[in-house]
Amino acid sequence: MGKILFALLATALIVWASDAPAQIAGDWTMSLETPHGTLSGPLKIEQDGAKLSGSYETEHAGKLALTGKVEGQKVTFSMEAPGGMTLTFNGTVEGGKMSGKADPFDGAWSASKK
């Protein structure tokens, strides 16, 4: 009976830990592939549990505010670009790196923690 209880508790802990949001708050460097070339700049993320806020700054677009969420290792955030276009970033977190695709133009993005 003790071994079964231990196995159930260990399994529950593993499932809980894998669902916990990745801790990604801090300063990053991000690159985004666009139809007009690559945009690079600092990405600053603040995190409250699964909720994200922050900013991304590039020479061409200026400083853009972002909001989003992180669920386990999956990250999603959005920002409004000049001209009113909303960019949505979907990706995964792997240690000090994140990467994925940005809609609406399906551009690849990646970020490395400073």
PDB file of N, CA and C in Angstrom:
ATOM      1  N   MET A   1       0.827  -1.197   0.000  1.00  0.00           N
ATOM      2  CA  MET A   1       0.000   0.000   0.000  1.00  0.00           C
ATOM      3  C   MET A   1       0.865   1.252   0.000  1.00  0.00           C
ATOM      4  N   GLY A   2       1.941   1.262   0.779  1.00  0.00           N
ATOM      5  CA  GLY A   2       2.824   2.417   0.867  1.00  0.00           C
ATOM      6  C   GLY A   2       3.479   2.733  -0.473  1.00  0.00           C
ATOM      7  N   LYS A   3       3.882   1.676  -1.218  1.00  0.00           N
ATOM      8  CA  LYS A   3       4.522   1.896  -2.518  1.00  0.00           C
ATOM      9  C   LYS A   3       3.546   2.487  -3.524  1.00  0.00           C
ATOM     10  N   ILE A   4       2.296   2.056  -3.463  1.00  0.00           N
ATOM     11  CA  ILE A   4       1.287   2.572  -4.387  1.00  0.00           C
ATOM     12  C   ILE A   4       1.017   4.046  -4.091  1.00  0.00           C
ATOM     13  N   LEU A   5       0.880   4.368  -2.815  1.00  0.00           N
ATOM     14  CA  LEU A   5       0.645   5.759  -2.429  1.00  0.00           C
ATOM     15  C   LEU A   5       1.816   6.637  -2.855  1.00  0.00           C
ATOM     16  N   PHE A   6       3.043   6.170  -2.643  1.00  0.00           N
ATOM     17  CA  PHE A   6       4.226   6.920  -3.046  1.00  0.00           C
ATOM     18  C   PHE A   6       4.242   7.135  -4.562  1.00  0.00           C
ATOM     19  N   ALA A   7       3.913   6.102  -5.315  1.00  0.00           N
ATOM     20  CA  ALA A   7       3.889   6.208  -6.779  1.00  0.00           C
ATOM     21  C   ALA A   7       2.841   7.216  -7.238  1.00  0.00           C
ATOM     22  N   LEU A   8       1.665   7.214  -6.608  1.00  0.00           N
ATOM     23  CA  LEU A   8       0.621   8.173  -6.967  1.00  0.00           C
ATOM     24  C   LEU A   8       1.042   9.602  -6.642  1.00  0.00           C
ATOM     25  N   LEU A   9       1.653   9.803  -5.483  1.00  0.00           N
ATOM     26  CA  LEU A   9       2.114  11.139  -5.109  1.00  0.00           C
ATOM     27  C   LEU A   9       3.226  11.630  -6.032  1.00  0.00           C
ATOM     28  N   ALA A  10       4.147  10.745  -6.386  1.00  0.00           N
ATOM     29  CA  ALA A  10       5.236  11.116  -7.294  1.00  0.00           C
ATOM     30  C   ALA A  10       4.685  11.477  -8.667  1.00  0.00           C
ATOM     31  N   THR A  11       3.725  10.721  -9.163  1.00  0.00           N
ATOM     32  CA  THR A  11       3.108  11.008 -10.460  1.00  0.00           C
ATOM     33  C   THR A  11       2.380  12.345 -10.419  1.00  0.00           C
ATOM     34  N   ALA A  12       1.643  12.604  -9.359  1.00  0.00           N
ATOM     35  CA  ALA A  12       0.920  13.875  -9.229  1.00  0.00           C
ATOM     36  C   ALA A  12       1.898  15.050  -9.201  1.00  0.00           C
ATOM     37  N   LEU A  13       3.021  14.895  -8.512  1.00  0.00           N
ATOM     38  CA  LEU A  13       4.016  15.951  -8.442  1.00  0.00           C
ATOM     39  C   LEU A  13       4.628  16.214  -9.821  1.00  0.00           C
ATOM     40  N   ILE A  14       4.919  15.182 -10.566  1.00  0.00           N
ATOM     41  CA  ILE A  14       5.483  15.337 -11.914  1.00  0.00           C
ATOM     42  C   ILE A  14       4.487  16.039 -12.823  1.00  0.00           C
ATOM     43  N   VAL A  15       3.223  15.656 -12.785  1.00  0.00           N
ATOM     44  CA  VAL A  15       2.193  16.295 -13.606  1.00  0.00           C
ATOM     45  C   VAL A  15       2.043  17.756 -13.209  1.00  0.00           C
ATOM     46  N   TRP A  16       2.013  18.049 -11.915  1.00  0.00           N
ATOM     47  CA  TRP A  16       1.885  19.426 -11.452  1.00  0.00           C
ATOM     48  C   TRP A  16       3.075  20.258 -11.906  1.00  0.00           C
ATOM     49  N   ALA A  17       4.283  19.730 -11.772  1.00  0.00           N
ATOM     50  CA  ALA A  17       5.486  20.471 -12.150  1.00  0.00           C
ATOM     51  C   ALA A  17       5.525  20.747 -13.647  1.00  0.00           C
ATOM     52  N   SER A  18       5.054  19.821 -14.472  1.00  0.00           N
ATOM     53  CA  SER A  18       5.101  20.024 -15.920  1.00  0.00           C
ATOM     54  C   SER A  18       4.060  21.048 -16.365  1.00  0.00           C
ATOM     55  N   ASP A  19       3.005  21.273 -15.570  1.00  0.00           N
ATOM     56  CA  ASP A  19       1.982  22.259 -15.903  1.00  0.00           C
ATOM     57  C   ASP A  19       2.307  23.641 -15.347  1.00  0.00           C
ATOM     58  N   ALA A  20       3.268  23.733 -14.444  1.00  0.00           N
ATOM     59  CA  ALA A  20       3.631  25.028 -13.864  1.00  0.00           C
ATOM     60  C   ALA A  20       4.218  25.909 -14.962  1.00  0.00           C
ATOM     61  N   PRO A  21       3.873  27.191 -14.959  1.00  0.00           N
ATOM     62  CA  PRO A  21       4.402  28.071 -16.006  1.00  0.00           C
ATOM     63  C   PRO A  21       5.913  28.227 -15.912  1.00  0.00           C
ATOM     64  N   ALA A  22       6.578  28.178 -17.055  1.00  0.00           N
ATOM     65  CA  ALA A  22       8.016  28.431 -17.103  1.00  0.00           C
ATOM     66  C   ALA A  22       8.280  29.835 -16.560  1.00  0.00           C
ATOM     67  N   GLN A  23       9.376  30.011 -15.885  1.00  0.00           N
ATOM     68  CA  GLN A  23       9.741  31.316 -15.324  1.00  0.00           C
ATOM     69  C   GLN A  23      10.575  32.059 -16.358  1.00  0.00           C
ATOM     70  N   ILE A  24       9.972  33.046 -17.021  1.00  0.00           N
ATOM     71  CA  ILE A  24      10.660  33.738 -18.112  1.00  0.00           C
ATOM     72  C   ILE A  24      10.833  35.232 -17.883  1.00  0.00           C
ATOM     73  N   ALA A  25      10.514  35.710 -16.703  1.00  0.00           N
ATOM     74  CA  ALA A  25      10.675  37.142 -16.411  1.00  0.00           C
ATOM     75  C   ALA A  25      12.139  37.535 -16.570  1.00  0.00           C
ATOM     76  N   GLY A  26      12.352  38.740 -17.087  1.00  0.00           N
ATOM     77  CA  GLY A  26      13.715  39.250 -17.204  1.00  0.00           C
ATOM     78  C   GLY A  26      13.983  39.875 -18.550  1.00  0.00           C
ATOM     79  N   ASP A  27      15.259  40.059 -18.819  1.00  0.00           N
ATOM     80  CA  ASP A  27      15.711  40.717 -20.043  1.00  0.00           C
ATOM     81  C   ASP A  27      16.177  39.680 -21.060  1.00  0.00           C
ATOM     82  N   TRP A  28      15.706  39.843 -22.282  1.00  0.00           N
ATOM     83  CA  TRP A  28      16.001  38.939 -23.388  1.00  0.00           C
ATOM     84  C   TRP A  28      16.456  39.761 -24.587  1.00  0.00           C
ATOM     85  N   THR A  29      17.052  39.108 -25.556  1.00  0.00           N
ATOM     86  CA  THR A  29      17.323  39.690 -26.862  1.00  0.00           C
ATOM     87  C   THR A  29      16.510  38.889 -27.860  1.00  0.00           C
ATOM     88  N   MET A  30      15.658  39.574 -28.645  1.00  0.00           N
ATOM     89  CA  MET A  30      14.762  38.869 -29.568  1.00  0.00           C
ATOM     90  C   MET A  30      14.994  39.305 -31.005  1.00  0.00           C
ATOM     91  N   SER A  31      14.883  38.344 -31.921  1.00  0.00           N
ATOM     92  CA  SER A  31      14.934  38.588 -33.363  1.00  0.00           C
ATOM     93  C   SER A  31      13.643  38.090 -33.974  1.00  0.00           C
ATOM     94  N   LEU A  32      13.125  38.849 -34.936  1.00  0.00           N
ATOM     95  CA  LEU A  32      11.881  38.517 -35.614  1.00  0.00           C
ATOM     96  C   LEU A  32      12.080  38.658 -37.114  1.00  0.00           C
ATOM     97  N   GLU A  33      11.779  37.586 -37.849  1.00  0.00           N
ATOM     98  CA  GLU A  33      11.853  37.617 -39.311  1.00  0.00           C
ATOM     99  C   GLU A  33      10.539  38.188 -39.843  1.00  0.00           C
ATOM    100  N   THR A  34      10.642  39.263 -40.649  1.00  0.00           N
ATOM    101  CA  THR A  34       9.464  39.889 -41.237  1.00  0.00           C
ATOM    102  C   THR A  34       9.632  39.900 -42.754  1.00  0.00           C
ATOM    103  N   PRO A  35       8.568  40.186 -43.494  1.00  0.00           N
ATOM    104  CA  PRO A  35       8.696  40.297 -44.948  1.00  0.00           C
ATOM    105  C   PRO A  35       9.659  41.419 -45.370  1.00  0.00           C
ATOM    106  N   HIS A  36       9.969  42.336 -44.454  1.00  0.00           N
ATOM    107  CA  HIS A  36      10.845  43.469 -44.762  1.00  0.00           C
ATOM    108  C   HIS A  36      12.233  43.313 -44.158  1.00  0.00           C
ATOM    109  N   GLY A  37      12.542  42.136 -43.633  1.00  0.00           N
ATOM    110  CA  GLY A  37      13.844  41.890 -43.027  1.00  0.00           C
ATOM    111  C   GLY A  37      13.734  41.510 -41.562  1.00  0.00           C
ATOM    112  N   THR A  38      14.873  41.353 -40.935  1.00  0.00           N
ATOM    113  CA  THR A  38      14.934  40.930 -39.539  1.00  0.00           C
ATOM    114  C   THR A  38      14.911  42.138 -38.606  1.00  0.00           C
ATOM    115  N   LEU A  39      14.048  42.058 -37.588  1.00  0.00           N
ATOM    116  CA  LEU A  39      14.019  43.056 -36.525  1.00  0.00           C
ATOM    117  C   LEU A  39      14.655  42.440 -35.288  1.00  0.00           C
ATOM    118  N   SER A  40      15.545  43.165 -34.643  1.00  0.00           N
ATOM    119  CA  SER A  40      16.193  42.679 -33.426  1.00  0.00           C
ATOM    120  C   SER A  40      16.163  43.764 -32.371  1.00  0.00           C
ATOM    121  N   GLY A  41      16.089  43.332 -31.130  1.00  0.00           N
ATOM    122  CA  GLY A  41      16.119  44.302 -30.050  1.00  0.00           C
ATOM    123  C   GLY A  41      15.842  43.667 -28.710  1.00  0.00           C
ATOM    124  N   PRO A  42      15.880  44.493 -27.662  1.00  0.00           N
ATOM    125  CA  PRO A  42      15.641  43.983 -26.313  1.00  0.00           C
ATOM    126  C   PRO A  42      14.164  43.662 -26.073  1.00  0.00           C
ATOM    127  N   LEU A  43      13.941  42.558 -25.397  1.00  0.00           N
ATOM    128  CA  LEU A  43      12.615  42.098 -24.979  1.00  0.00           C
ATOM    129  C   LEU A  43      12.642  42.065 -23.464  1.00  0.00           C
ATOM    130  N   LYS A  44      11.745  42.800 -22.834  1.00  0.00           N
ATOM    131  CA  LYS A  44      11.673  42.848 -21.369  1.00  0.00           C
ATOM    132  C   LYS A  44      10.355  42.207 -20.958  1.00  0.00           C
ATOM    133  N   ILE A  45      10.428  41.170 -20.117  1.00  0.00           N
ATOM    134  CA  ILE A  45       9.225  40.445 -19.701  1.00  0.00           C
ATOM    135  C   ILE A  45       9.072  40.516 -18.192  1.00  0.00           C
ATOM    136  N   GLU A  46       7.863  40.880 -17.771  1.00  0.00           N
ATOM    137  CA  GLU A  46       7.461  40.812 -16.370  1.00  0.00           C
ATOM    138  C   GLU A  46       6.437  39.689 -16.274  1.00  0.00           C
ATOM    139  N   GLN A  47       6.463  38.944 -15.177  1.00  0.00           N
ATOM    140  CA  GLN A  47       5.606  37.773 -15.045  1.00  0.00           C
ATOM    141  C   GLN A  47       4.937  37.749 -13.684  1.00  0.00           C
ATOM    142  N   ASP A  48       3.621  37.490 -13.702  1.00  0.00           N
ATOM    143  CA  ASP A  48       2.838  37.304 -12.488  1.00  0.00           C
ATOM    144  C   ASP A  48       2.109  35.980 -12.653  1.00  0.00           C
ATOM    145  N   GLY A  49       2.709  34.900 -12.160  1.00  0.00           N
ATOM    146  CA  GLY A  49       2.151  33.563 -12.391  1.00  0.00           C
ATOM    147  C   GLY A  49       2.248  33.215 -13.859  1.00  0.00           C
ATOM    148  N   ALA A  50       1.103  33.032 -14.506  1.00  0.00           N
ATOM    149  CA  ALA A  50       1.081  32.713 -15.928  1.00  0.00           C
ATOM    150  C   ALA A  50       0.930  33.959 -16.796  1.00  0.00           C
ATOM    151  N   LYS A  51       0.646  35.109 -16.169  1.00  0.00           N
ATOM    152  CA  LYS A  51       0.372  36.349 -16.905  1.00  0.00           C
ATOM    153  C   LYS A  51       1.677  37.086 -17.230  1.00  0.00           C
ATOM    154  N   LEU A  52       1.792  37.549 -18.492  1.00  0.00           N
ATOM    155  CA  LEU A  52       2.980  38.254 -18.951  1.00  0.00           C
ATOM    156  C   LEU A  52       2.648  39.684 -19.354  1.00  0.00           C
ATOM    157  N   SER A  53       3.605  40.579 -19.136  1.00  0.00           N
ATOM    158  CA  SER A  53       3.546  41.943 -19.656  1.00  0.00           C
ATOM    159  C   SER A  53       4.981  42.348 -19.942  1.00  0.00           C
ATOM    160  N   GLY A  54       5.139  43.434 -20.662  1.00  0.00           N
ATOM    161  CA  GLY A  54       6.495  43.882 -20.949  1.00  0.00           C
ATOM    162  C   GLY A  54       6.574  44.694 -22.207  1.00  0.00           C
ATOM    163  N   SER A  55       7.754  44.672 -22.850  1.00  0.00           N
ATOM    164  CA  SER A  55       7.957  45.467 -24.053  1.00  0.00           C
ATOM    165  C   SER A  55       9.028  44.849 -24.942  1.00  0.00           C
ATOM    166  N   TYR A  56       8.938  45.196 -26.224  1.00  0.00           N
ATOM    167  CA  TYR A  56       9.921  44.816 -27.233  1.00  0.00           C
ATOM    168  C   TYR A  56      10.289  46.096 -27.960  1.00  0.00           C
ATOM    169  N   GLU A  57      11.580  46.347 -28.134  1.00  0.00           N
ATOM    170  CA  GLU A  57      12.009  47.595 -28.740  1.00  0.00           C
ATOM    171  C   GLU A  57      12.921  47.316 -29.926  1.00  0.00           C
ATOM    172  N   THR A  58      12.586  47.927 -31.075  1.00  0.00           N
ATOM    173  CA  THR A  58      13.437  47.832 -32.258  1.00  0.00           C
ATOM    174  C   THR A  58      13.668  49.236 -32.808  1.00  0.00           C
ATOM    175  N   GLU A  59      14.711  49.381 -33.589  1.00  0.00           N
ATOM    176  CA  GLU A  59      15.037  50.678 -34.175  1.00  0.00           C
ATOM    177  C   GLU A  59      13.913  51.168 -35.086  1.00  0.00           C
ATOM    178  N   HIS A  60      13.317  50.245 -35.854  1.00  0.00           N
ATOM    179  CA  HIS A  60      12.314  50.641 -36.842  1.00  0.00           C
ATOM    180  C   HIS A  60      10.911  50.819 -36.260  1.00  0.00           C
ATOM    181  N   ALA A  61      10.559  50.041 -35.249  1.00  0.00           N
ATOM    182  CA  ALA A  61       9.195  50.081 -34.725  1.00  0.00           C
ATOM    183  C   ALA A  61       9.085  50.837 -33.403  1.00  0.00           C
ATOM    184  N   GLY A  62      10.196  51.118 -32.761  1.00  0.00           N
ATOM    185  CA  GLY A  62      10.154  51.761 -31.456  1.00  0.00           C
ATOM    186  C   GLY A  62       9.838  50.753 -30.359  1.00  0.00           C
ATOM    187  N   LYS A  63       9.325  51.247 -29.254  1.00  0.00           N
ATOM    188  CA  LYS A  63       9.015  50.400 -28.100  1.00  0.00           C
ATOM    189  C   LYS A  63       7.552  49.976 -28.154  1.00  0.00           C
ATOM    190  N   LEU A  64       7.314  48.663 -28.189  1.00  0.00           N
ATOM    191  CA  LEU A  64       5.970  48.102 -28.282  1.00  0.00           C
ATOM    192  C   LEU A  64       5.624  47.380 -26.988  1.00  0.00           C
ATOM    193  N   ALA A  65       4.471  47.686 -26.409  1.00  0.00           N
ATOM    194  CA  ALA A  65       4.001  47.012 -25.189  1.00  0.00           C
ATOM    195  C   ALA A  65       3.476  45.630 -25.553  1.00  0.00           C
ATOM    196  N   LEU A  66       3.689  44.667 -24.671  1.00  0.00           N
ATOM    197  CA  LEU A  66       3.185  43.312 -24.908  1.00  0.00           C
ATOM    198  C   LEU A  66       2.408  42.804 -23.712  1.00  0.00           C
ATOM    199  N   THR A  67       1.472  41.904 -23.985  1.00  0.00           N
ATOM    200  CA  THR A  67       0.741  41.157 -22.958  1.00  0.00           C
ATOM    201  C   THR A  67       0.650  39.721 -23.433  1.00  0.00           C
ATOM    202  N   GLY A  68       0.552  38.786 -22.495  1.00  0.00           N
ATOM    203  CA  GLY A  68       0.456  37.392 -22.898  1.00  0.00           C
ATOM    204  C   GLY A  68       0.363  36.457 -21.719  1.00  0.00           C
ATOM    205  N   LYS A  69       0.697  35.191 -22.001  1.00  0.00           N
ATOM    206  CA  LYS A  69       0.639  34.166 -20.957  1.00  0.00           C
ATOM    207  C   LYS A  69       1.651  33.077 -21.266  1.00  0.00           C
ATOM    208  N   VAL A  70       1.982  32.330 -20.226  1.00  0.00           N
ATOM    209  CA  VAL A  70       2.844  31.173 -20.368  1.00  0.00           C
ATOM    210  C   VAL A  70       2.152  30.018 -19.651  1.00  0.00           C
ATOM    211  N   GLU A  71       2.033  28.898 -20.353  1.00  0.00           N
ATOM    212  CA  GLU A  71       1.407  27.691 -19.802  1.00  0.00           C
ATOM    213  C   GLU A  71       2.393  26.556 -19.971  1.00  0.00           C
ATOM    214  N   GLY A  72       2.975  26.110 -18.845  1.00  0.00           N
ATOM    215  CA  GLY A  72       4.022  25.106 -18.951  1.00  0.00           C
ATOM    216  C   GLY A  72       5.183  25.698 -19.724  1.00  0.00           C
ATOM    217  N   GLN A  73       5.552  25.078 -20.833  1.00  0.00           N
ATOM    218  CA  GLN A  73       6.641  25.565 -21.672  1.00  0.00           C
ATOM    219  C   GLN A  73       6.137  26.316 -22.905  1.00  0.00           C
ATOM    220  N   LYS A  74       4.817  26.515 -23.007  1.00  0.00           N
ATOM    221  CA  LYS A  74       4.244  27.230 -24.146  1.00  0.00           C
ATOM    222  C   LYS A  74       4.031  28.688 -23.780  1.00  0.00           C
ATOM    223  N   VAL A  75       4.457  29.577 -24.683  1.00  0.00           N
ATOM    224  CA  VAL A  75       4.342  31.011 -24.450  1.00  0.00           C
ATOM    225  C   VAL A  75       3.573  31.654 -25.600  1.00  0.00           C
ATOM    226  N   THR A  76       2.713  32.602 -25.264  1.00  0.00           N
ATOM    227  CA  THR A  76       1.953  33.371 -26.248  1.00  0.00           C
ATOM    228  C   THR A  76       1.914  34.816 -25.769  1.00  0.00           C
ATOM    229  N   PHE A  77       2.256  35.737 -26.664  1.00  0.00           N
ATOM    230  CA  PHE A  77       2.112  37.151 -26.324  1.00  0.00           C
ATOM    231  C   PHE A  77       1.788  37.935 -27.583  1.00  0.00           C
ATOM    232  N   SER A  78       1.174  39.103 -27.370  1.00  0.00           N
ATOM    233  CA  SER A  78       0.751  39.958 -28.481  1.00  0.00           C
ATOM    234  C   SER A  78       1.223  41.377 -28.236  1.00  0.00           C
ATOM    235  N   MET A  79       1.394  42.101 -29.346  1.00  0.00           N
ATOM    236  CA  MET A  79       1.723  43.519 -29.278  1.00  0.00           C
ATOM    237  C   MET A  79       1.149  44.200 -30.506  1.00  0.00           C
ATOM    238  N   GLU A  80       0.853  45.479 -30.362  1.00  0.00           N
ATOM    239  CA  GLU A  80       0.308  46.247 -31.478  1.00  0.00           C
ATOM    240  C   GLU A  80       1.439  47.001 -32.158  1.00  0.00           C
ATOM    241  N   ALA A  81       1.642  46.693 -33.436  1.00  0.00           N
ATOM    242  CA  ALA A  81       2.690  47.337 -34.224  1.00  0.00           C
ATOM    243  C   ALA A  81       2.185  48.675 -34.758  1.00  0.00           C
ATOM    244  N   PRO A  82       3.100  49.530 -35.203  1.00  0.00           N
ATOM    245  CA  PRO A  82       2.664  50.784 -35.825  1.00  0.00           C
ATOM    246  C   PRO A  82       1.693  50.493 -36.975  1.00  0.00           C
ATOM    247  N   GLY A  83       0.686  51.326 -37.113  1.00  0.00           N
ATOM    248  CA  GLY A  83      -0.319  51.108 -38.149  1.00  0.00           C
ATOM    249  C   GLY A  83      -1.494  50.285 -37.658  1.00  0.00           C
ATOM    250  N   GLY A  84      -1.471  49.886 -36.382  1.00  0.00           N
ATOM    251  CA  GLY A  84      -2.600  49.175 -35.806  1.00  0.00           C
ATOM    252  C   GLY A  84      -2.613  47.672 -36.005  1.00  0.00           C
ATOM    253  N   MET A  85      -1.570  47.090 -36.614  1.00  0.00           N
ATOM    254  CA  MET A  85      -1.533  45.637 -36.804  1.00  0.00           C
ATOM    255  C   MET A  85      -1.154  44.947 -35.487  1.00  0.00           C
ATOM    256  N   THR A  86      -1.923  43.928 -35.098  1.00  0.00           N
ATOM    257  CA  THR A  86      -1.608  43.152 -33.911  1.00  0.00           C
ATOM    258  C   THR A  86      -0.740  41.965 -34.302  1.00  0.00           C
ATOM    259  N   LEU A  87       0.406  41.847 -33.654  1.00  0.00           N
ATOM    260  CA  LEU A  87       1.307  40.714 -33.860  1.00  0.00           C
ATOM    261  C   LEU A  87       1.115  39.748 -32.701  1.00  0.00           C
ATOM    262  N   THR A  88       0.941  38.477 -33.013  1.00  0.00           N
ATOM    263  CA  THR A  88       0.782  37.450 -31.996  1.00  0.00           C
ATOM    264  C   THR A  88       1.930  36.451 -32.119  1.00  0.00           C
ATOM    265  N   PHE A  89       2.628  36.238 -31.029  1.00  0.00           N
ATOM    266  CA  PHE A  89       3.785  35.363 -30.984  1.00  0.00           C
ATOM    267  C   PHE A  89       3.412  34.084 -30.236  1.00  0.00           C
ATOM    268  N   ASN A  90       3.620  32.936 -30.858  1.00  0.00           N
ATOM    269  CA  ASN A  90       3.392  31.633 -30.233  1.00  0.00           C
ATOM    270  C   ASN A  90       4.706  30.876 -30.269  1.00  0.00           C
ATOM    271  N   GLY A  91       5.073  30.261 -29.144  1.00  0.00           N
ATOM    272  CA  GLY A  91       6.335  29.539 -29.130  1.00  0.00           C
ATOM    273  C   GLY A  91       6.503  28.674 -27.911  1.00  0.00           C
ATOM    274  N   THR A  92       7.719  28.186 -27.756  1.00  0.00           N
ATOM    275  CA  THR A  92       8.063  27.326 -26.632  1.00  0.00           C
ATOM    276  C   THR A  92       9.305  27.868 -25.932  1.00  0.00           C
ATOM    277  N   VAL A  93       9.401  27.537 -24.661  1.00  0.00           N
ATOM    278  CA  VAL A  93      10.519  27.933 -23.822  1.00  0.00           C
ATOM    279  C   VAL A  93      11.381  26.707 -23.588  1.00  0.00           C
ATOM    280  N   GLU A  94      12.688  26.866 -23.790  1.00  0.00           N
ATOM    281  CA  GLU A  94      13.639  25.787 -23.499  1.00  0.00           C
ATOM    282  C   GLU A  94      14.823  26.402 -22.776  1.00  0.00           C
ATOM    283  N   GLY A  95      14.759  26.393 -21.450  1.00  0.00           N
ATOM    284  CA  GLY A  95      15.830  26.994 -20.658  1.00  0.00           C
ATOM    285  C   GLY A  95      15.894  28.484 -20.892  1.00  0.00           C
ATOM    286  N   GLY A  96      17.060  28.977 -21.312  1.00  0.00           N
ATOM    287  CA  GLY A  96      17.258  30.393 -21.559  1.00  0.00           C
ATOM    288  C   GLY A  96      16.978  30.799 -22.993  1.00  0.00           C
ATOM    289  N   LYS A  97      16.170  30.015 -23.698  1.00  0.00           N
ATOM    290  CA  LYS A  97      15.829  30.324 -25.089  1.00  0.00           C
ATOM    291  C   LYS A  97      14.332  30.144 -25.312  1.00  0.00           C
ATOM    292  N   MET A  98      13.793  30.942 -26.223  1.00  0.00           N
ATOM    293  CA  MET A  98      12.405  30.810 -26.669  1.00  0.00           C
ATOM    294  C   MET A  98      12.422  30.928 -28.185  1.00  0.00           C
ATOM    295  N   SER A  99      11.450  30.288 -28.826  1.00  0.00           N
ATOM    296  CA  SER A  99      11.332  30.431 -30.277  1.00  0.00           C
ATOM    297  C   SER A  99       9.938  30.015 -30.708  1.00  0.00           C
ATOM    298  N   GLY A 100       9.566  30.467 -31.922  1.00  0.00           N
ATOM    299  CA  GLY A 100       8.258  30.118 -32.449  1.00  0.00           C
ATOM    300  C   GLY A 100       7.953  30.885 -33.710  1.00  0.00           C
ATOM    301  N   LYS A 101       6.670  31.112 -33.949  1.00  0.00           N
ATOM    302  CA  LYS A 101       6.181  31.810 -35.133  1.00  0.00           C
ATOM    303  C   LYS A 101       5.335  33.002 -34.698  1.00  0.00           C
ATOM    304  N   ALA A 102       5.341  34.044 -35.526  1.00  0.00           N
ATOM    305  CA  ALA A 102       4.548  35.248 -35.268  1.00  0.00           C
ATOM    306  C   ALA A 102       3.505  35.397 -36.359  1.00  0.00           C
ATOM    307  N   ASP A 103       2.272  35.630 -35.966  1.00  0.00           N
ATOM    308  CA  ASP A 103       1.193  35.881 -36.921  1.00  0.00           C
ATOM    309  C   ASP A 103       0.977  37.380 -37.015  1.00  0.00           C
ATOM    310  N   PRO A 104       0.561  37.925 -38.107  1.00  0.00           N
ATOM    311  CA  PRO A 104      -0.126  37.276 -39.212  1.00  0.00           C
ATOM    312  C   PRO A 104       0.779  36.829 -40.354  1.00  0.00           C
ATOM    313  N   PHE A 105       2.073  37.114 -40.339  1.00  0.00           N
ATOM    314  CA  PHE A 105       2.901  36.799 -41.505  1.00  0.00           C
ATOM    315  C   PHE A 105       3.740  35.535 -41.341  1.00  0.00           C
ATOM    316  N   ASP A 106       3.517  34.754 -40.286  1.00  0.00           N
ATOM    317  CA  ASP A 106       4.191  33.468 -40.068  1.00  0.00           C
ATOM    318  C   ASP A 106       5.711  33.614 -39.980  1.00  0.00           C
ATOM    319  N   GLY A 107       6.161  34.732 -39.424  1.00  0.00           N
ATOM    320  CA  GLY A 107       7.590  34.968 -39.290  1.00  0.00           C
ATOM    321  C   GLY A 107       8.181  34.229 -38.111  1.00  0.00           C
ATOM    322  N   ALA A 108       9.375  33.677 -38.282  1.00  0.00           N
ATOM    323  CA  ALA A 108      10.058  32.996 -37.192  1.00  0.00           C
ATOM    324  C   ALA A 108      10.597  34.038 -36.211  1.00  0.00           C
ATOM    325  N   TRP A 109      10.550  33.703 -34.923  1.00  0.00           N
ATOM    326  CA  TRP A 109      11.150  34.555 -33.902  1.00  0.00           C
ATOM    327  C   TRP A 109      11.930  33.697 -32.937  1.00  0.00           C
ATOM    328  N   SER A 110      12.935  34.293 -32.316  1.00  0.00           N
ATOM    329  CA  SER A 110      13.700  33.588 -31.289  1.00  0.00           C
ATOM    330  C   SER A 110      14.214  34.627 -30.290  1.00  0.00           C
ATOM    331  N   ALA A 111      14.413  34.180 -29.074  1.00  0.00           N
ATOM    332  CA  ALA A 111      14.905  35.061 -28.017  1.00  0.00           C
ATOM    333  C   ALA A 111      15.849  34.296 -27.124  1.00  0.00           C
ATOM    334  N   SER A 112      16.878  35.006 -26.646  1.00  0.00           N
ATOM    335  CA  SER A 112      17.846  34.443 -25.708  1.00  0.00           C
ATOM    336  C   SER A 112      17.884  35.325 -24.482  1.00  0.00           C
ATOM    337  N   LYS A 113      17.895  34.670 -23.313  1.00  0.00           N
ATOM    338  CA  LYS A 113      17.922  35.420 -22.060  1.00  0.00           C
ATOM    339  C   LYS A 113      19.311  36.010 -21.846  1.00  0.00           C
ATOM    340  N   LYS A 114      19.343  37.255 -21.384  1.00  0.00           N
ATOM    341  CA  LYS A 114      20.615  37.931 -21.116  1.00  0.00           C
ATOM    342  C   LYS A 114      21.214  37.447 -19.813  1.00  0.00           C
TER     343      LYS A 114
END
